PDB file of N, CA and C in Angstrom:
ATOM      1  N   UNK A   1      25.453  19.891  74.475  1.00  0.00           N
ATOM      2  CA  UNK A   1      25.519  19.189  73.171  1.00  0.00           C
ATOM      3  C   UNK A   1      26.774  19.499  72.630  1.00  0.00           C
ATOM      4  N   UNK A   2      27.521  18.583  72.191  1.00  0.00           N
ATOM      5  CA  UNK A   2      29.001  18.634  71.747  1.00  0.00           C
ATOM      6  C   UNK A   2      28.850  18.960  70.141  1.00  0.00           C
ATOM      7  N   UNK A   3      29.872  19.802  69.791  1.00  0.00           N
ATOM      8  CA  UNK A   3      30.003  20.075  68.367  1.00  0.00           C
ATOM      9  C   UNK A   3      30.192  18.695  67.546  1.00  0.00           C
ATOM     10  N   UNK A   4      29.635  18.635  66.472  1.00  0.00           N
ATOM     11  CA  UNK A   4      29.759  17.439  65.528  1.00  0.00           C
ATOM     12  C   UNK A   4      31.033  17.568  64.730  1.00  0.00           C
ATOM     13  N   UNK A   5      32.079  16.851  64.928  1.00  0.00           N
ATOM     14  CA  UNK A   5      33.333  17.003  64.311  1.00  0.00           C
ATOM     15  C   UNK A   5      33.270  16.146  62.988  1.00  0.00           C
ATOM     16  N   UNK A   6      32.734  16.723  61.922  1.00  0.00           N
ATOM     17  CA  UNK A   6      32.496  15.912  60.760  1.00  0.00           C
ATOM     18  C   UNK A   6      34.017  15.590  60.201  1.00  0.00           C
ATOM     19  N   UNK A   7      34.151  14.391  59.746  1.00  0.00           N
ATOM     20  CA  UNK A   7      35.524  13.993  59.195  1.00  0.00           C
ATOM     21  C   UNK A   7      35.916  14.337  57.829  1.00  0.00           C
ATOM     22  N   UNK A   8      35.016  14.948  57.008  1.00  0.00           N
ATOM     23  CA  UNK A   8      35.483  15.275  55.758  1.00  0.00           C
ATOM     24  C   UNK A   8      34.663  16.630  55.092  1.00  0.00           C
ATOM     25  N   UNK A   9      35.360  17.135  54.182  1.00  0.00           N
ATOM     26  CA  UNK A   9      34.803  18.472  53.629  1.00  0.00           C
ATOM     27  C   UNK A   9      33.575  18.059  52.762  1.00  0.00           C
ATOM     28  N   UNK A  10      32.471  18.713  52.925  1.00  0.00           N
ATOM     29  CA  UNK A  10      31.235  18.387  52.316  1.00  0.00           C
ATOM     30  C   UNK A  10      31.321  18.791  50.772  1.00  0.00           C
ATOM     31  N   UNK A  11      32.288  19.403  50.356  1.00  0.00           N
ATOM     32  CA  UNK A  11      32.353  19.822  48.906  1.00  0.00           C
ATOM     33  C   UNK A  11      33.367  18.828  48.268  1.00  0.00           C
ATOM     34  N   UNK A  12      34.610  18.712  48.622  1.00  0.00           N
ATOM     35  CA  UNK A  12      35.512  17.961  48.035  1.00  0.00           C
ATOM     36  C   UNK A  12      35.789  16.537  48.586  1.00  0.00           C
ATOM     37  N   UNK A  13      35.430  16.273  49.662  1.00  0.00           N
ATOM     38  CA  UNK A  13      35.567  14.998  50.423  1.00  0.00           C
ATOM     39  C   UNK A  13      36.925  15.012  51.021  1.00  0.00           C
ATOM     40  N   UNK A  14      37.896  16.008  51.179  1.00  0.00           N
ATOM     41  CA  UNK A  14      39.053  16.006  51.837  1.00  0.00           C
ATOM     42  C   UNK A  14      38.883  15.496  53.240  1.00  0.00           C
ATOM     43  N   UNK A  15      39.823  14.751  53.787  1.00  0.00           N
ATOM     44  CA  UNK A  15      39.649  14.270  55.120  1.00  0.00           C
ATOM     45  C   UNK A  15      40.125  15.395  56.041  1.00  0.00           C
ATOM     46  N   UNK A  16      39.283  15.611  57.164  1.00  0.00           N
ATOM     47  CA  UNK A  16      39.566  16.735  58.157  1.00  0.00           C
ATOM     48  C   UNK A  16      39.819  16.036  59.526  1.00  0.00           C
ATOM     49  N   UNK A  17      40.984  16.293  59.965  1.00  0.00           N
ATOM     50  CA  UNK A  17      41.281  15.689  61.343  1.00  0.00           C
ATOM     51  C   UNK A  17      40.562  16.554  62.499  1.00  0.00           C
ATOM     52  N   UNK A  18      40.273  16.112  63.535  1.00  0.00           N
ATOM     53  CA  UNK A  18      39.793  16.900  64.795  1.00  0.00           C
ATOM     54  C   UNK A  18      40.674  17.955  65.101  1.00  0.00           C
ATOM     55  N   UNK A  19      41.922  17.819  64.889  1.00  0.00           N
ATOM     56  CA  UNK A  19      42.893  18.852  65.427  1.00  0.00           C
ATOM     57  C   UNK A  19      43.381  19.616  64.245  1.00  0.00           C
ATOM     58  N   UNK A  20      42.962  19.521  63.007  1.00  0.00           N
ATOM     59  CA  UNK A  20      43.233  20.166  61.828  1.00  0.00           C
ATOM     60  C   UNK A  20      42.378  21.366  61.490  1.00  0.00           C
ATOM     61  N   UNK A  21      42.685  22.173  60.509  1.00  0.00           N
ATOM     62  CA  UNK A  21      41.921  23.341  60.008  1.00  0.00           C
ATOM     63  C   UNK A  21      40.615  22.893  59.310  1.00  0.00           C
ATOM     64  N   UNK A  22      39.503  23.440  59.681  1.00  0.00           N
ATOM     65  CA  UNK A  22      38.258  23.283  59.058  1.00  0.00           C
ATOM     66  C   UNK A  22      37.344  24.386  59.314  1.00  0.00           C
ATOM     67  N   UNK A  23      36.357  24.566  58.444  1.00  0.00           N
ATOM     68  CA  UNK A  23      35.538  25.719  58.657  1.00  0.00           C
ATOM     69  C   UNK A  23      33.951  25.240  58.651  1.00  0.00           C
ATOM     70  N   UNK A  24      33.167  25.871  59.684  1.00  0.00           N
ATOM     71  CA  UNK A  24      31.838  25.507  59.774  1.00  0.00           C
ATOM     72  C   UNK A  24      30.946  26.769  59.728  1.00  0.00           C
ATOM     73  N   UNK A  25      29.610  26.469  59.529  1.00  0.00           N
ATOM     74  CA  UNK A  25      28.592  27.413  59.818  1.00  0.00           C
ATOM     75  C   UNK A  25      27.674  27.160  60.977  1.00  0.00           C
ATOM     76  N   UNK A  26      26.812  27.839  61.268  1.00  0.00           N
ATOM     77  CA  UNK A  26      26.065  27.626  62.659  1.00  0.00           C
ATOM     78  C   UNK A  26      25.205  26.379  62.638  1.00  0.00           C
ATOM     79  N   UNK A  27      24.995  25.691  61.414  1.00  0.00           N
ATOM     80  CA  UNK A  27      24.398  24.466  61.266  1.00  0.00           C
ATOM     81  C   UNK A  27      25.562  23.304  61.288  1.00  0.00           C
ATOM     82  N   UNK A  28      26.795  23.626  61.406  1.00  0.00           N
ATOM     83  CA  UNK A  28      27.865  22.601  61.434  1.00  0.00           C
ATOM     84  C   UNK A  28      28.192  22.087  60.118  1.00  0.00           C
ATOM     85  N   UNK A  29      27.741  22.540  58.954  1.00  0.00           N
ATOM     86  CA  UNK A  29      28.133  22.376  57.596  1.00  0.00           C
ATOM     87  C   UNK A  29      29.721  22.474  57.667  1.00  0.00           C
ATOM     88  N   UNK A  30      30.373  21.675  57.150  1.00  0.00           N
ATOM     89  CA  UNK A  30      31.806  21.550  57.288  1.00  0.00           C
ATOM     90  C   UNK A  30      32.671  21.513  56.000  1.00  0.00           C
ATOM     91  N   UNK A  31      33.613  22.329  56.005  1.00  0.00           N
ATOM     92  CA  UNK A  31      34.493  22.454  54.683  1.00  0.00           C
ATOM     93  C   UNK A  31      35.991  22.774  55.082  1.00  0.00           C
ATOM     94  N   UNK A  32      36.709  22.206  53.994  1.00  0.00           N
ATOM     95  CA  UNK A  32      38.103  22.526  54.087  1.00  0.00           C
ATOM     96  C   UNK A  32      38.556  23.959  53.816  1.00  0.00           C
ATOM     97  N   UNK A  33      39.767  24.390  54.136  1.00  0.00           N
ATOM     98  CA  UNK A  33      40.121  25.805  53.954  1.00  0.00           C
ATOM     99  C   UNK A  33      40.069  26.260  52.380  1.00  0.00           C
ATOM    100  N   UNK A  34      40.682  25.428  51.578  1.00  0.00           N
ATOM    101  CA  UNK A  34      40.573  25.878  50.068  1.00  0.00           C
ATOM    102  C   UNK A  34      39.117  25.910  49.491  1.00  0.00           C
ATOM    103  N   UNK A  35      38.198  25.050  49.776  1.00  0.00           N
ATOM    104  CA  UNK A  35      36.807  25.072  49.431  1.00  0.00           C
ATOM    105  C   UNK A  35      36.165  26.352  50.141  1.00  0.00           C
ATOM    106  N   UNK A  36      36.429  26.587  51.414  1.00  0.00           N
ATOM    107  CA  UNK A  36      35.780  27.771  52.073  1.00  0.00           C
ATOM    108  C   UNK A  36      36.176  29.012  51.272  1.00  0.00           C
ATOM    109  N   UNK A  37      37.500  29.235  51.156  1.00  0.00           N
ATOM    110  CA  UNK A  37      37.885  30.517  50.595  1.00  0.00           C
ATOM    111  C   UNK A  37      37.829  30.693  49.065  1.00  0.00           C
ATOM    112  N   UNK A  38      38.149  29.693  48.307  1.00  0.00           N
ATOM    113  CA  UNK A  38      38.083  29.699  46.775  1.00  0.00           C
ATOM    114  C   UNK A  38      36.826  29.421  46.240  1.00  0.00           C
ATOM    115  N   UNK A  39      36.103  28.411  46.716  1.00  0.00           N
ATOM    116  CA  UNK A  39      34.833  27.844  46.136  1.00  0.00           C
ATOM    117  C   UNK A  39      33.589  28.697  46.689  1.00  0.00           C
ATOM    118  N   UNK A  40      33.634  28.714  48.010  1.00  0.00           N
ATOM    119  CA  UNK A  40      32.327  29.315  48.674  1.00  0.00           C
ATOM    120  C   UNK A  40      32.499  30.790  49.196  1.00  0.00           C
ATOM    121  N   UNK A  41      33.722  31.326  49.126  1.00  0.00           N
ATOM    122  CA  UNK A  41      33.954  32.694  49.438  1.00  0.00           C
ATOM    123  C   UNK A  41      33.407  32.973  50.787  1.00  0.00           C
ATOM    124  N   UNK A  42      33.774  32.036  51.821  1.00  0.00           N
ATOM    125  CA  UNK A  42      33.410  32.162  53.222  1.00  0.00           C
ATOM    126  C   UNK A  42      31.970  32.186  53.539  1.00  0.00           C
ATOM    127  N   UNK A  43      31.127  31.713  52.671  1.00  0.00           N
ATOM    128  CA  UNK A  43      29.704  31.609  52.906  1.00  0.00           C
ATOM    129  C   UNK A  43      29.295  30.210  52.724  1.00  0.00           C
ATOM    130  N   UNK A  44      28.533  29.731  53.513  1.00  0.00           N
ATOM    131  CA  UNK A  44      27.977  28.398  53.447  1.00  0.00           C
ATOM    132  C   UNK A  44      26.965  28.270  52.184  1.00  0.00           C
ATOM    133  N   UNK A  45      27.360  27.163  51.351  1.00  0.00           N
ATOM    134  CA  UNK A  45      26.427  27.072  50.173  1.00  0.00           C
ATOM    135  C   UNK A  45      25.022  26.579  50.514  1.00  0.00           C
ATOM    136  N   UNK A  46      24.836  25.832  51.623  1.00  0.00           N
ATOM    137  CA  UNK A  46      23.751  25.283  52.127  1.00  0.00           C
ATOM    138  C   UNK A  46      22.709  26.314  52.788  1.00  0.00           C
ATOM    139  N   UNK A  47      23.165  27.069  53.609  1.00  0.00           N
ATOM    140  CA  UNK A  47      22.363  28.073  54.525  1.00  0.00           C
ATOM    141  C   UNK A  47      22.714  29.560  54.162  1.00  0.00           C
ATOM    142  N   UNK A  48      23.868  29.944  53.494  1.00  0.00           N
ATOM    143  CA  UNK A  48      24.175  31.131  53.268  1.00  0.00           C
ATOM    144  C   UNK A  48      24.932  31.897  54.457  1.00  0.00           C
ATOM    145  N   UNK A  49      25.066  31.147  55.589  1.00  0.00           N
ATOM    146  CA  UNK A  49      25.672  31.582  56.808  1.00  0.00           C
ATOM    147  C   UNK A  49      27.212  31.833  56.556  1.00  0.00           C
ATOM    148  N   UNK A  50      27.865  32.560  57.458  1.00  0.00           N
ATOM    149  CA  UNK A  50      29.265  32.774  57.523  1.00  0.00           C
ATOM    150  C   UNK A  50      29.901  31.529  57.900  1.00  0.00           C
ATOM    151  N   UNK A  51      30.980  31.190  57.198  1.00  0.00           N
ATOM    152  CA  UNK A  51      31.902  30.089  57.573  1.00  0.00           C
ATOM    153  C   UNK A  51      32.982  30.534  58.549  1.00  0.00           C
ATOM    154  N   UNK A  52      33.135  29.951  59.579  1.00  0.00           N
ATOM    155  CA  UNK A  52      34.281  30.404  60.599  1.00  0.00           C
ATOM    156  C   UNK A  52      34.997  29.239  60.899  1.00  0.00           C
ATOM    157  N   UNK A  53      36.217  29.466  61.403  1.00  0.00           N
ATOM    158  CA  UNK A  53      37.190  28.335  61.820  1.00  0.00           C
ATOM    159  C   UNK A  53      36.521  27.394  62.845  1.00  0.00           C
ATOM    160  N   UNK A  54      36.614  26.190  62.608  1.00  0.00           N
ATOM    161  CA  UNK A  54      36.010  25.262  63.614  1.00  0.00           C
ATOM    162  C   UNK A  54      37.062  25.039  64.696  1.00  0.00           C
ATOM    163  N   UNK A  55      36.647  25.015  65.876  1.00  0.00           N
ATOM    164  CA  UNK A  55      37.559  24.759  67.159  1.00  0.00           C
ATOM    165  C   UNK A  55      38.214  23.353  66.903  1.00  0.00           C
ATOM    166  N   UNK A  56      39.449  23.278  67.329  1.00  0.00           N
ATOM    167  CA  UNK A  56      40.079  22.009  67.217  1.00  0.00           C
ATOM    168  C   UNK A  56      39.820  21.142  68.582  1.00  0.00           C
ATOM    169  N   UNK A  57      40.009  19.939  68.362  1.00  0.00           N
ATOM    170  CA  UNK A  57      39.698  18.856  69.444  1.00  0.00           C
ATOM    171  C   UNK A  57      41.038  18.025  69.429  1.00  0.00           C
ATOM    172  N   UNK A  58      41.779  18.427  70.566  1.00  0.00           N
ATOM    173  CA  UNK A  58      42.980  17.704  70.662  1.00  0.00           C
ATOM    174  C   UNK A  58      42.681  16.331  71.556  1.00  0.00           C
ATOM    175  N   UNK A  59      43.183  15.158  70.949  1.00  0.00           N
ATOM    176  CA  UNK A  59      42.994  13.930  71.552  1.00  0.00           C
ATOM    177  C   UNK A  59      43.472  13.976  73.115  1.00  0.00           C
ATOM    178  N   UNK A  60      42.732  13.302  74.064  1.00  0.00           N
ATOM    179  CA  UNK A  60      43.057  13.216  75.581  1.00  0.00           C
ATOM    180  C   UNK A  60      44.361  12.356  75.618  1.00  0.00           C
ATOM    181  N   UNK A  61      45.120  12.879  76.524  1.00  0.00           N
ATOM    182  CA  UNK A  61      46.394  12.130  76.804  1.00  0.00           C
ATOM    183  C   UNK A  61      45.991  10.905  77.699  1.00  0.00           C
ATOM    184  N   UNK A  62      46.733   9.731  77.480  1.00  0.00           N
ATOM    185  CA  UNK A  62      46.459   8.580  78.219  1.00  0.00           C
ATOM    186  C   UNK A  62      46.938   8.922  79.630  1.00  0.00           C
ATOM    187  N   UNK A  63      46.086   8.325  80.608  1.00  0.00           N
ATOM    188  CA  UNK A  63      46.450   8.536  81.980  1.00  0.00           C
ATOM    189  C   UNK A  63      47.521   7.504  82.446  1.00  0.00           C
TER     190      UNK A  63
END
């Protein structure tokens, strides 16, 4: 099962690119850096789990 790369912060709506910085919990709730640190203090507001850096997904190079 692939990680769901949600396109926007669930708090402020900021656009998040697959290769940019974003934070997720174990349920894949997704937030931008400022919301993670300043608003939620590194804890998911939905489940209370830890928010950690989401892996980046670099677009495939054309063959």
